[in-house]
Structures are given as structure tokens and as C-alpha cells.
PDB file of N, CA and C in Angstrom:
ATOM      1  N   MET A   1      64.274  95.265  94.482  1.00  0.00           N
ATOM      2  CA  MET A   1      64.564  95.875  95.748  1.00  0.00           C
ATOM      3  C   MET A   1      64.646  94.686  96.756  1.00  0.00           C
ATOM      4  N   HIS A   2      65.499  94.650  97.577  1.00  0.00           N
ATOM      5  CA  HIS A   2      65.784  93.674  98.621  1.00  0.00           C
ATOM      6  C   HIS A   2      65.165  93.949  99.840  1.00  0.00           C
ATOM      7  N   ASN A   3      64.512  93.245 100.664  1.00  0.00           N
ATOM      8  CA  ASN A   3      64.101  93.334 101.895  1.00  0.00           C
ATOM      9  C   ASN A   3      65.091  93.142 102.844  1.00  0.00           C
ATOM     10  N   ASN A   4      65.008  93.598 104.020  1.00  0.00           N
ATOM     11  CA  ASN A   4      65.814  93.578 105.140  1.00  0.00           C
ATOM     12  C   ASN A   4      66.355  92.125 105.565  1.00  0.00           C
ATOM     13  N   ASN A   5      65.628  91.104 105.305  1.00  0.00           N
ATOM     14  CA  ASN A   5      66.036  89.675 105.708  1.00  0.00           C
ATOM     15  C   ASN A   5      66.656  89.072 104.599  1.00  0.00           C
ATOM     16  N   HIS A   6      67.061  89.741 103.587  1.00  0.00           N
ATOM     17  CA  HIS A   6      67.880  89.032 102.550  1.00  0.00           C
ATOM     18  C   HIS A   6      69.179  89.637 102.299  1.00  0.00           C
ATOM     19  N   ASN A   7      70.176  88.825 102.053  1.00  0.00           N
ATOM     20  CA  ASN A   7      71.526  89.402 101.753  1.00  0.00           C
ATOM     21  C   ASN A   7      71.862  89.057 100.425  1.00  0.00           C
ATOM     22  N   LEU A   8      72.525  89.878  99.765  1.00  0.00           N
ATOM     23  CA  LEU A   8      72.900  89.874  98.190  1.00  0.00           C
ATOM     24  C   LEU A   8      74.142  88.943  98.249  1.00  0.00           C
ATOM     25  N   THR A   9      74.044  87.929  97.378  1.00  0.00           N
ATOM     26  CA  THR A   9      75.056  87.016  97.328  1.00  0.00           C
ATOM     27  C   THR A   9      76.041  87.197  95.931  1.00  0.00           C
ATOM     28  N   ARG A  10      77.196  86.533  96.076  1.00  0.00           N
ATOM     29  CA  ARG A  10      77.949  86.595  94.788  1.00  0.00           C
ATOM     30  C   ARG A  10      77.185  85.934  93.689  1.00  0.00           C
ATOM     31  N   LYS A  11      76.590  85.006  93.852  1.00  0.00           N
ATOM     32  CA  LYS A  11      75.707  84.300  92.800  1.00  0.00           C
ATOM     33  C   LYS A  11      74.658  85.271  92.163  1.00  0.00           C
ATOM     34  N   GLU A  12      74.022  86.096  93.062  1.00  0.00           N
ATOM     35  CA  GLU A  12      73.013  87.045  92.479  1.00  0.00           C
ATOM     36  C   GLU A  12      73.823  88.202  91.834  1.00  0.00           C
ATOM     37  N   LEU A  13      74.937  88.695  92.301  1.00  0.00           N
ATOM     38  CA  LEU A  13      75.574  89.684  91.456  1.00  0.00           C
ATOM     39  C   LEU A  13      75.978  89.192  90.176  1.00  0.00           C
ATOM     40  N   THR A  14      76.525  87.919  90.136  1.00  0.00           N
ATOM     41  CA  THR A  14      76.947  87.365  88.894  1.00  0.00           C
ATOM     42  C   THR A  14      75.732  87.203  87.856  1.00  0.00           C
ATOM     43  N   GLU A  15      74.597  86.764  88.381  1.00  0.00           N
ATOM     44  CA  GLU A  15      73.479  86.776  87.602  1.00  0.00           C
ATOM     45  C   GLU A  15      73.013  88.018  87.087  1.00  0.00           C
ATOM     46  N   THR A  16      72.915  89.083  87.756  1.00  0.00           N
ATOM     47  CA  THR A  16      72.615  90.369  87.382  1.00  0.00           C
ATOM     48  C   THR A  16      73.394  90.819  86.396  1.00  0.00           C
ATOM     49  N   LEU A  17      74.824  90.694  86.643  1.00  0.00           N
ATOM     50  CA  LEU A  17      75.727  91.110  85.558  1.00  0.00           C
ATOM     51  C   LEU A  17      75.464  90.268  84.189  1.00  0.00           C
ATOM     52  N   ALA A  18      75.258  89.192  84.260  1.00  0.00           N
ATOM     53  CA  ALA A  18      75.037  88.338  82.976  1.00  0.00           C
ATOM     54  C   ALA A  18      73.829  88.961  82.412  1.00  0.00           C
ATOM     55  N   ASN A  19      72.659  89.146  83.239  1.00  0.00           N
ATOM     56  CA  ASN A  19      71.488  89.617  82.628  1.00  0.00           C
ATOM     57  C   ASN A  19      71.532  90.931  81.946  1.00  0.00           C
ATOM     58  N   GLN A  20      72.172  91.884  82.734  1.00  0.00           N
ATOM     59  CA  GLN A  20      72.278  93.241  82.270  1.00  0.00           C
ATOM     60  C   GLN A  20      73.484  93.452  81.026  1.00  0.00           C
ATOM     61  N   LEU A  21      74.532  92.704  81.138  1.00  0.00           N
ATOM     62  CA  LEU A  21      75.498  92.820  80.054  1.00  0.00           C
ATOM     63  C   LEU A  21      75.506  91.823  78.890  1.00  0.00           C
ATOM     64  N   GLY A  22      74.920  90.657  79.216  1.00  0.00           N
ATOM     65  CA  GLY A  22      74.687  89.721  78.107  1.00  0.00           C
ATOM     66  C   GLY A  22      76.161  88.836  78.069  1.00  0.00           C
ATOM     67  N   PHE A  23      76.822  88.889  79.014  1.00  0.00           N
ATOM     68  CA  PHE A  23      78.079  88.061  79.285  1.00  0.00           C
ATOM     69  C   PHE A  23      77.677  86.580  79.797  1.00  0.00           C
ATOM     70  N   SER A  24      78.520  85.666  79.610  1.00  0.00           N
ATOM     71  CA  SER A  24      78.000  84.323  80.229  1.00  0.00           C
ATOM     72  C   SER A  24      78.140  84.449  81.890  1.00  0.00           C
ATOM     73  N   GLN A  25      77.455  83.628  82.463  1.00  0.00           N
ATOM     74  CA  GLN A  25      77.597  83.645  84.000  1.00  0.00           C
ATOM     75  C   GLN A  25      78.968  83.274  84.461  1.00  0.00           C
ATOM     76  N   SER A  26      79.696  82.250  83.736  1.00  0.00           N
ATOM     77  CA  SER A  26      81.055  82.063  84.216  1.00  0.00           C
ATOM     78  C   SER A  26      82.155  83.303  83.973  1.00  0.00           C
ATOM     79  N   ASN A  27      81.847  84.081  82.934  1.00  0.00           N
ATOM     80  CA  ASN A  27      82.696  85.383  82.818  1.00  0.00           C
ATOM     81  C   ASN A  27      82.263  86.230  83.785  1.00  0.00           C
ATOM     82  N   CYS A  28      81.097  86.396  84.135  1.00  0.00           N
ATOM     83  CA  CYS A  28      80.566  87.379  85.098  1.00  0.00           C
ATOM     84  C   CYS A  28      81.045  86.915  86.484  1.00  0.00           C
ATOM     85  N   SER A  29      81.056  85.650  86.727  1.00  0.00           N
ATOM     86  CA  SER A  29      81.517  85.003  88.099  1.00  0.00           C
ATOM     87  C   SER A  29      82.947  85.542  88.366  1.00  0.00           C
ATOM     88  N   GLN A  30      83.738  85.412  87.116  1.00  0.00           N
ATOM     89  CA  GLN A  30      85.191  85.818  87.195  1.00  0.00           C
ATOM     90  C   GLN A  30      85.406  87.385  87.381  1.00  0.00           C
ATOM     91  N   ILE A  31      84.493  88.052  86.872  1.00  0.00           N
ATOM     92  CA  ILE A  31      84.561  89.598  87.115  1.00  0.00           C
ATOM     93  C   ILE A  31      84.275  89.956  88.561  1.00  0.00           C
ATOM     94  N   VAL A  32      83.240  89.287  89.148  1.00  0.00           N
ATOM     95  CA  VAL A  32      82.825  89.613  90.636  1.00  0.00           C
ATOM     96  C   VAL A  32      83.961  89.025  91.389  1.00  0.00           C
ATOM     97  N   ASP A  33      84.532  87.903  91.217  1.00  0.00           N
ATOM     98  CA  ASP A  33      85.517  87.419  92.207  1.00  0.00           C
ATOM     99  C   ASP A  33      86.831  88.220  91.925  1.00  0.00           C
ATOM    100  N   CYS A  34      87.148  88.615  90.896  1.00  0.00           N
ATOM    101  CA  CYS A  34      88.335  89.654  90.490  1.00  0.00           C
ATOM    102  C   CYS A  34      88.184  90.911  91.311  1.00  0.00           C
ATOM    103  N   PHE A  35      86.925  91.474  91.074  1.00  0.00           N
ATOM    104  CA  PHE A  35      86.626  92.790  91.783  1.00  0.00           C
ATOM    105  C   PHE A  35      86.793  92.690  93.221  1.00  0.00           C
ATOM    106  N   LEU A  36      86.191  91.591  93.821  1.00  0.00           N
ATOM    107  CA  LEU A  36      86.019  91.391  95.366  1.00  0.00           C
ATOM    108  C   LEU A  36      87.536  91.021  95.897  1.00  0.00           C
ATOM    109  N   ASP A  37      88.352  90.304  95.146  1.00  0.00           N
ATOM    110  CA  ASP A  37      89.546  89.949  95.525  1.00  0.00           C
ATOM    111  C   ASP A  37      90.625  91.172  95.509  1.00  0.00           C
ATOM    112  N   ASN A  38      90.375  91.880  94.356  1.00  0.00           N
ATOM    113  CA  ASN A  38      91.265  93.216  94.447  1.00  0.00           C
ATOM    114  C   ASN A  38      90.850  94.104  95.758  1.00  0.00           C
ATOM    115  N   MET A  39      89.679  94.309  95.847  1.00  0.00           N
ATOM    116  CA  MET A  39      89.325  95.058  97.061  1.00  0.00           C
ATOM    117  C   MET A  39      89.836  94.395  98.485  1.00  0.00           C
ATOM    118  N   LYS A  40      89.704  93.126  98.529  1.00  0.00           N
ATOM    119  CA  LYS A  40      90.321  92.471  99.679  1.00  0.00           C
ATOM    120  C   LYS A  40      91.808  92.604  99.836  1.00  0.00           C
ATOM    121  N   GLN A  41      92.336  92.367  98.758  1.00  0.00           N
ATOM    122  CA  GLN A  41      94.047  92.626  98.821  1.00  0.00           C
ATOM    123  C   GLN A  41      94.311  94.136  98.994  1.00  0.00           C
ATOM    124  N   SER A  42      93.779  95.081  98.650  1.00  0.00           N
ATOM    125  CA  SER A  42      94.181  96.452  98.871  1.00  0.00           C
ATOM    126  C   SER A  42      93.883  96.812 100.343  1.00  0.00           C
ATOM    127  N   MET A  43      92.768  96.204 101.017  1.00  0.00           N
ATOM    128  CA  MET A  43      92.380  96.408 102.332  1.00  0.00           C
ATOM    129  C   MET A  43      93.354  95.703 103.098  1.00  0.00           C
ATOM    130  N   MET A  44      93.926  94.577 102.824  1.00  0.00           N
ATOM    131  CA  MET A  44      94.820  93.855 103.546  1.00  0.00           C
ATOM    132  C   MET A  44      96.157  94.639 103.441  1.00  0.00           C
ATOM    133  N   GLU A  45      96.451  95.365 102.600  1.00  0.00           N
ATOM    134  CA  GLU A  45      97.731  96.137 102.550  1.00  0.00           C
ATOM    135  C   GLU A  45      97.378  97.632 103.131  1.00  0.00           C
ATOM    136  N   GLY A  46      96.213  97.773 103.619  1.00  0.00           N
ATOM    137  CA  GLY A  46      95.992  98.987 104.483  1.00  0.00           C
ATOM    138  C   GLY A  46      95.624 100.034 103.628  1.00  0.00           C
ATOM    139  N   GLU A  47      95.188  99.883 102.377  1.00  0.00           N
ATOM    140  CA  GLU A  47      94.801 100.881 101.443  1.00  0.00           C
ATOM    141  C   GLU A  47      93.335 101.200 101.662  1.00  0.00           C
ATOM    142  N   SER A  48      92.869 102.362 101.414  1.00  0.00           N
ATOM    143  CA  SER A  48      91.464 102.800 101.461  1.00  0.00           C
ATOM    144  C   SER A  48      90.859 102.543  99.892  1.00  0.00           C
ATOM    145  N   ILE A  49      89.651 102.160  99.781  1.00  0.00           N
ATOM    146  CA  ILE A  49      89.082 102.040  98.484  1.00  0.00           C
ATOM    147  C   ILE A  49      87.867 103.147  98.484  1.00  0.00           C
ATOM    148  N   LYS A  50      88.120 104.065  97.470  1.00  0.00           N
ATOM    149  CA  LYS A  50      87.036 104.945  97.349  1.00  0.00           C
ATOM    150  C   LYS A  50      86.335 104.798  96.116  1.00  0.00           C
ATOM    151  N   LEU A  51      84.940 104.554  96.129  1.00  0.00           N
ATOM    152  CA  LEU A  51      84.273 104.465  95.073  1.00  0.00           C
ATOM    153  C   LEU A  51      83.241 105.652  94.918  1.00  0.00           C
ATOM    154  N   VAL A  52      83.412 106.456  93.908  1.00  0.00           N
ATOM    155  CA  VAL A  52      82.687 107.718  93.853  1.00  0.00           C
ATOM    156  C   VAL A  52      81.184 107.451  93.678  1.00  0.00           C
ATOM    157  N   HIS A  53      80.378 108.228  94.433  1.00  0.00           N
ATOM    158  CA  HIS A  53      78.987 108.104  94.567  1.00  0.00           C
ATOM    159  C   HIS A  53      78.511 106.772  95.206  1.00  0.00           C
ATOM    160  N   PHE A  54      79.392 106.036  95.801  1.00  0.00           N
ATOM    161  CA  PHE A  54      79.102 104.885  96.607  1.00  0.00           C
ATOM    162  C   PHE A  54      79.586 104.964  97.924  1.00  0.00           C
ATOM    163  N   GLY A  55      80.861 105.030  98.235  1.00  0.00           N
ATOM    164  CA  GLY A  55      81.411 105.142  99.502  1.00  0.00           C
ATOM    165  C   GLY A  55      82.774 104.727  99.643  1.00  0.00           C
ATOM    166  N   THR A  56      83.395 104.797 100.793  1.00  0.00           N
ATOM    167  CA  THR A  56      84.909 104.634 101.089  1.00  0.00           C
ATOM    168  C   THR A  56      84.992 103.543 102.159  1.00  0.00           C
ATOM    169  N   PHE A  57      85.670 102.560 101.713  1.00  0.00           N
ATOM    170  CA  PHE A  57      86.141 101.305 102.629  1.00  0.00           C
ATOM    171  C   PHE A  57      87.508 101.738 103.260  1.00  0.00           C
ATOM    172  N   THR A  58      87.732 101.799 104.534  1.00  0.00           N
ATOM    173  CA  THR A  58      89.033 101.993 105.111  1.00  0.00           C
ATOM    174  C   THR A  58      89.250 100.898 106.147  1.00  0.00           C
ATOM    175  N   VAL A  59      90.591 100.799 106.274  1.00  0.00           N
ATOM    176  CA  VAL A  59      91.150  99.916 107.360  1.00  0.00           C
ATOM    177  C   VAL A  59      91.552 100.765 108.570  1.00  0.00           C
ATOM    178  N   ARG A  60      90.858 100.651 109.781  1.00  0.00           N
ATOM    179  CA  ARG A  60      91.278 101.265 110.856  1.00  0.00           C
ATOM    180  C   ARG A  60      91.990 100.640 111.858  1.00  0.00           C
ATOM    181  N   ASN A  61      92.925 101.105 112.615  1.00  0.00           N
ATOM    182  CA  ASN A  61      93.641 100.346 113.680  1.00  0.00           C
ATOM    183  C   ASN A  61      92.807 100.802 114.897  1.00  0.00           C
ATOM    184  N   LYS A  62      92.371  99.678 115.490  1.00  0.00           N
ATOM    185  CA  LYS A  62      91.671  99.915 116.893  1.00  0.00           C
ATOM    186  C   LYS A  62      92.689  99.566 117.939  1.00  0.00           C
ATOM    187  N   SER A  63      92.722 100.476 118.939  1.00  0.00           N
ATOM    188  CA  SER A  63      93.483 100.273 120.132  1.00  0.00           C
ATOM    189  C   SER A  63      92.906  99.093 121.161  1.00  0.00           C
ATOM    190  N   PRO A  64      93.888  98.638 121.811  1.00  0.00           N
ATOM    191  CA  PRO A  64      93.335  97.653 122.967  1.00  0.00           C
ATOM    192  C   PRO A  64      92.320  98.543 123.868  1.00  0.00           C
ATOM    193  N   ARG A  65      91.529  97.627 124.459  1.00  0.00           N
ATOM    194  CA  ARG A  65      90.573  98.208 125.238  1.00  0.00           C
ATOM    195  C   ARG A  65      89.968  97.133 126.142  1.00  0.00           C
ATOM    196  N   ARG A  66      89.408  97.594 127.265  1.00  0.00           N
ATOM    197  CA  ARG A  66      88.783  96.720 128.243  1.00  0.00           C
ATOM    198  C   ARG A  66      87.355  96.262 127.789  1.00  0.00           C
ATOM    199  N   GLY A  67      87.040  95.117 127.891  1.00  0.00           N
ATOM    200  CA  GLY A  67      85.733  94.547 127.585  1.00  0.00           C
ATOM    201  C   GLY A  67      85.076  93.749 128.567  1.00  0.00           C
ATOM    202  N   ARG A  68      83.932  93.072 128.322  1.00  0.00           N
ATOM    203  CA  ARG A  68      83.413  92.136 129.314  1.00  0.00           C
ATOM    204  C   ARG A  68      82.911  90.997 128.468  1.00  0.00           C
ATOM    205  N   ASN A  69      83.245  89.643 128.833  1.00  0.00           N
ATOM    206  CA  ASN A  69      82.604  88.570 128.264  1.00  0.00           C
ATOM    207  C   ASN A  69      81.032  88.563 128.521  1.00  0.00           C
ATOM    208  N   PRO A  70      80.230  88.589 127.709  1.00  0.00           N
ATOM    209  CA  PRO A  70      78.723  88.717 128.071  1.00  0.00           C
ATOM    210  C   PRO A  70      78.296  87.444 128.702  1.00  0.00           C
ATOM    211  N   ARG A  71      78.876  86.377 128.471  1.00  0.00           N
ATOM    212  CA  ARG A  71      78.551  85.009 128.996  1.00  0.00           C
ATOM    213  C   ARG A  71      78.770  84.844 130.483  1.00  0.00           C
ATOM    214  N   THR A  72      80.036  85.366 130.781  1.00  0.00           N
ATOM    215  CA  THR A  72      80.488  85.044 132.110  1.00  0.00           C
ATOM    216  C   THR A  72      80.544  86.277 132.913  1.00  0.00           C
ATOM    217  N   GLY A  73      80.442  87.411 132.327  1.00  0.00           N
ATOM    218  CA  GLY A  73      80.611  88.673 133.161  1.00  0.00           C
ATOM    219  C   GLY A  73      82.157  89.068 133.419  1.00  0.00           C
ATOM    220  N   GLU A  74      83.186  88.137 132.853  1.00  0.00           N
ATOM    221  CA  GLU A  74      84.408  88.380 133.194  1.00  0.00           C
ATOM    222  C   GLU A  74      85.052  89.593 132.379  1.00  0.00           C
ATOM    223  N   THR A  75      85.818  90.457 133.042  1.00  0.00           N
ATOM    224  CA  THR A  75      86.603  91.493 132.441  1.00  0.00           C
ATOM    225  C   THR A  75      87.738  91.008 131.488  1.00  0.00           C
ATOM    226  N   ILE A  76      87.845  91.388 130.452  1.00  0.00           N
ATOM    227  CA  ILE A  76      88.904  90.907 129.443  1.00  0.00           C
ATOM    228  C   ILE A  76      89.529  92.197 128.830  1.00  0.00           C
ATOM    229  N   THR A  77      90.690  91.959 128.149  1.00  0.00           N
ATOM    230  CA  THR A  77      91.185  93.012 127.483  1.00  0.00           C
ATOM    231  C   THR A  77      91.122  92.618 125.889  1.00  0.00           C
ATOM    232  N   ILE A  78      90.571  93.409 125.141  1.00  0.00           N
ATOM    233  CA  ILE A  78      90.355  93.326 123.857  1.00  0.00           C
ATOM    234  C   ILE A  78      91.617  93.655 123.208  1.00  0.00           C
ATOM    235  N   LYS A  79      92.143  92.974 122.489  1.00  0.00           N
ATOM    236  CA  LYS A  79      93.462  93.318 121.590  1.00  0.00           C
ATOM    237  C   LYS A  79      93.454  94.242 120.659  1.00  0.00           C
ATOM    238  N   ARG A  80      94.624  94.782 120.336  1.00  0.00           N
ATOM    239  CA  ARG A  80      94.857  95.823 119.225  1.00  0.00           C
ATOM    240  C   ARG A  80      94.430  94.960 118.100  1.00  0.00           C
ATOM    241  N   ARG A  81      93.762  95.576 117.111  1.00  0.00           N
ATOM    242  CA  ARG A  81      93.364  94.915 115.901  1.00  0.00           C
ATOM    243  C   ARG A  81      92.990  95.916 114.849  1.00  0.00           C
ATOM    244  N   GLN A  82      92.714  95.370 113.691  1.00  0.00           N
ATOM    245  CA  GLN A  82      92.367  96.349 112.532  1.00  0.00           C
ATOM    246  C   GLN A  82      90.884  96.050 112.183  1.00  0.00           C
ATOM    247  N   ALA A  83      90.020  96.993 111.790  1.00  0.00           N
ATOM    248  CA  ALA A  83      88.849  96.767 111.448  1.00  0.00           C
ATOM    249  C   ALA A  83      88.511  97.448 110.024  1.00  0.00           C
ATOM    250  N   VAL A  84      87.660  97.012 109.318  1.00  0.00           N
ATOM    251  CA  VAL A  84      87.258  97.545 107.966  1.00  0.00           C
ATOM    252  C   VAL A  84      85.902  98.289 108.372  1.00  0.00           C
ATOM    253  N   SER A  85      85.968  99.428 107.942  1.00  0.00           N
ATOM    254  CA  SER A  85      84.789 100.417 108.149  1.00  0.00           C
ATOM    255  C   SER A  85      84.407 100.861 106.552  1.00  0.00           C
ATOM    256  N   PHE A  86      83.093 101.192 106.537  1.00  0.00           N
ATOM    257  CA  PHE A  86      82.596 101.786 105.349  1.00  0.00           C
ATOM    258  C   PHE A  86      81.647 102.928 105.554  1.00  0.00           C
ATOM    259  N   ARG A  87      82.112 104.078 104.869  1.00  0.00           N
ATOM    260  CA  ARG A  87      81.550 105.271 105.002  1.00  0.00           C
ATOM    261  C   ARG A  87      80.663 105.533 103.767  1.00  0.00           C
ATOM    262  N   PRO A  88      79.560 105.579 103.711  1.00  0.00           N
ATOM    263  CA  PRO A  88      78.768 105.843 102.472  1.00  0.00           C
ATOM    264  C   PRO A  88      78.852 107.232 101.983  1.00  0.00           C
ATOM    265  N   SER A  89      78.768 107.441 100.626  1.00  0.00           N
ATOM    266  CA  SER A  89      78.924 108.657 100.000  1.00  0.00           C
ATOM    267  C   SER A  89      77.584 109.410 100.501  1.00  0.00           C
ATOM    268  N   LYS A  90      77.583 110.686 100.227  1.00  0.00           N
ATOM    269  CA  LYS A  90      76.573 111.628 100.673  1.00  0.00           C
ATOM    270  C   LYS A  90      75.282 111.171  99.718  1.00  0.00           C
ATOM    271  N   LYS A  91      75.568 111.011  98.552  1.00  0.00           N
ATOM    272  CA  LYS A  91      74.615 110.588  97.509  1.00  0.00           C
ATOM    273  C   LYS A  91      73.955 109.260  97.773  1.00  0.00           C
ATOM    274  N   LEU A  92      74.814 108.215  98.289  1.00  0.00           N
ATOM    275  CA  LEU A  92      74.229 106.938  98.545  1.00  0.00           C
ATOM    276  C   LEU A  92      73.239 107.029  99.840  1.00  0.00           C
ATOM    277  N   ARG A  93      73.717 107.854 100.834  1.00  0.00           N
ATOM    278  CA  ARG A  93      72.964 108.196 102.101  1.00  0.00           C
ATOM    279  C   ARG A  93      71.596 108.742 101.821  1.00  0.00           C
ATOM    280  N   GLU A  94      71.762 109.676 100.702  1.00  0.00           N
ATOM    281  CA  GLU A  94      70.530 110.231 100.461  1.00  0.00           C
ATOM    282  C   GLU A  94      69.474 109.375  99.800  1.00  0.00           C
ATOM    283  N   GLN A  95      70.048 108.573  98.824  1.00  0.00           N
ATOM    284  CA  GLN A  95      69.198 107.443  98.129  1.00  0.00           C
ATOM    285  C   GLN A  95      68.627 106.515  99.060  1.00  0.00           C
ATOM    286  N   VAL A  96      69.364 106.130  99.942  1.00  0.00           N
ATOM    287  CA  VAL A  96      68.922 105.184 101.002  1.00  0.00           C
ATOM    288  C   VAL A  96      67.870 105.660 101.909  1.00  0.00           C
ATOM    289  N   ASN A  97      67.936 107.016 102.167  1.00  0.00           N
ATOM    290  CA  ASN A  97      67.012 107.514 103.137  1.00  0.00           C
ATOM    291  C   ASN A  97      65.644 108.026 102.469  1.00  0.00           C
ATOM    292  N   ASN A  98      65.635 107.937 101.092  1.00  0.00           N
ATOM    293  CA  ASN A  98      64.257 108.390 100.263  1.00  0.00           C
ATOM    294  C   ASN A  98      63.580 107.328 100.248  1.00  0.00           C
TER     295      ASN A  98
END
């Protein structure tokens, strides 16, 4: 179990796959990179990614809005942009909260 001050890295994902599946770390590194590249490409094309019992990644269009530069206090317009959002599945939310 990871504490809140730790980020799971690609290297750790690779090592976990290698240990659990018995494949070489270089093969597992390719698997992790391929998986993440496919997710990234799908999101860049505006597609949602639904992983059952995990959650859904979606690309949302954010409208322009007024904001403030916190350093200067200057009012600015934040441009229209796209943002990736993640909505965890009910099962994942329950597991995290237990």
C-alpha cells in the first residue's frame, strides 16, 4: 500500500508486472508504455476510456472564463481548453473509502 507522499511510477508498474507475471522487465516496460500510449492517443482523439470496476477517463471542453493571476492580482481570461477528467467507478470509490 502506498502512502500519500508517494507517486506510483512507470518503473514500479513495470517491476510489479514482471514480478507477478514472470515476464522480463523489458517486455513489461513495453506493455506499460503501449497501454499508456494507447490511452493517451484515445484521449487526444476526444474518446472516453472506460475501465470496468476502475473508472472512466473523459476529455471535457472547458469554456473560457475570467480568472485572476494570484501573483499580481490581475484579472485575466482563461482560454477555451480541453481537460482530462477521471471519474472512479462505484466499486473503486467504495474500496478507497474502506
